[in-house]
Amino acid sequence: MAIFDDEPTKPKRVHEIGQDLSLLSVGELEERIVQLTAEIERLQAELKSKGSTKAAAEALFRRN
């Protein structure tokens, strides 16, 4: 947190695919694993949701 309002705040670190991991501490690596695992779960939930929507649409428009 900045002491004065005009002090720049540090941007939150974002993981970049392929970045040099040797510069990160054990704690930073563990935090990135937690963040990436949560993101994978979010992506899988969205994929599942889209699959359900697609199946419902196909069932609706399927000709017999």
Protein backbone atom coordinates (compact mmCIF):
# COMPACT_ATOMS: atom_id res chain seq x y z
CA MET A 1 0.00 0.00 0.00
CA ALA A 2 1.32 3.42 -0.93
CA ILE A 3 1.93 5.86 1.94
CA PHE A 4 1.14 8.84 -0.26
CA ASP A 5 -1.50 9.01 -2.98
CA ASP A 6 1.03 9.99 -5.65
CA GLU A 7 3.17 6.90 -5.05
CA PRO A 8 2.74 4.32 -7.80
CA THR A 9 1.33 1.00 -6.67
CA LYS A 10 3.00 -2.20 -7.74
CA PRO A 11 0.99 -4.08 -10.33
CA LYS A 12 -0.15 -7.57 -9.36
CA ARG A 13 2.17 -10.16 -10.78
CA VAL A 14 0.70 -12.20 -13.57
CA HIS A 15 2.09 -15.50 -14.70
CA GLU A 16 3.41 -15.54 -18.23
CA ILE A 17 3.55 -18.84 -20.09
CA GLY A 18 7.19 -19.75 -20.72
CA GLN A 19 8.68 -17.21 -18.34
CA ASP A 20 11.94 -17.98 -16.50
CA LEU A 21 10.83 -19.70 -13.28
CA SER A 22 14.32 -19.78 -11.76
CA LEU A 23 13.85 -16.17 -10.60
CA LEU A 24 10.79 -17.04 -8.45
CA SER A 25 10.89 -18.11 -4.82
CA VAL A 26 9.25 -21.29 -3.53
CA GLY A 27 6.41 -19.22 -2.10
CA GLU A 28 5.88 -17.43 -5.41
CA LEU A 29 5.84 -20.74 -7.27
CA GLU A 30 3.29 -22.19 -4.84
CA GLU A 31 1.09 -19.09 -5.20
CA ARG A 32 1.23 -19.33 -8.97
CA ILE A 33 0.22 -23.00 -8.79
CA VAL A 34 -2.80 -22.05 -6.67
CA GLN A 35 -3.77 -19.27 -9.08
CA LEU A 36 -3.31 -21.39 -12.19
CA THR A 37 -5.22 -24.34 -10.68
CA ALA A 38 -8.12 -22.01 -9.88
CA GLU A 39 -8.00 -20.66 -13.44
CA ILE A 40 -8.00 -24.18 -14.91
CA GLU A 41 -11.07 -25.04 -12.81
CA ARG A 42 -12.80 -21.86 -14.02
CA LEU A 43 -11.99 -22.70 -17.65
CA GLN A 44 -13.24 -26.28 -17.25
CA ALA A 45 -16.51 -25.05 -15.73
CA GLU A 46 -17.04 -22.67 -18.65
CA LEU A 47 -16.24 -25.42 -21.14
CA LYS A 48 -18.74 -27.73 -19.45
CA SER A 49 -21.36 -24.98 -19.50
CA LYS A 50 -20.83 -24.36 -23.20
CA GLY A 51 -21.03 -28.10 -23.89
CA SER A 52 -24.39 -28.30 -22.09
CA THR A 53 -25.72 -25.33 -24.08
CA LYS A 54 -24.55 -26.86 -27.35
CA ALA A 55 -26.18 -30.21 -26.53
CA ALA A 56 -29.46 -28.49 -25.66
CA ALA A 57 -29.42 -26.52 -28.91
CA GLU A 58 -28.67 -29.63 -30.95
CA ALA A 59 -31.52 -31.50 -29.25
CA LEU A 60 -33.91 -28.62 -29.96
CA PHE A 61 -33.10 -28.41 -33.65
CA ARG A 62 -32.61 -32.14 -34.30
CA ARG A 63 -34.89 -33.48 -37.00
CA ASN A 64 -36.49 -36.87 -36.57
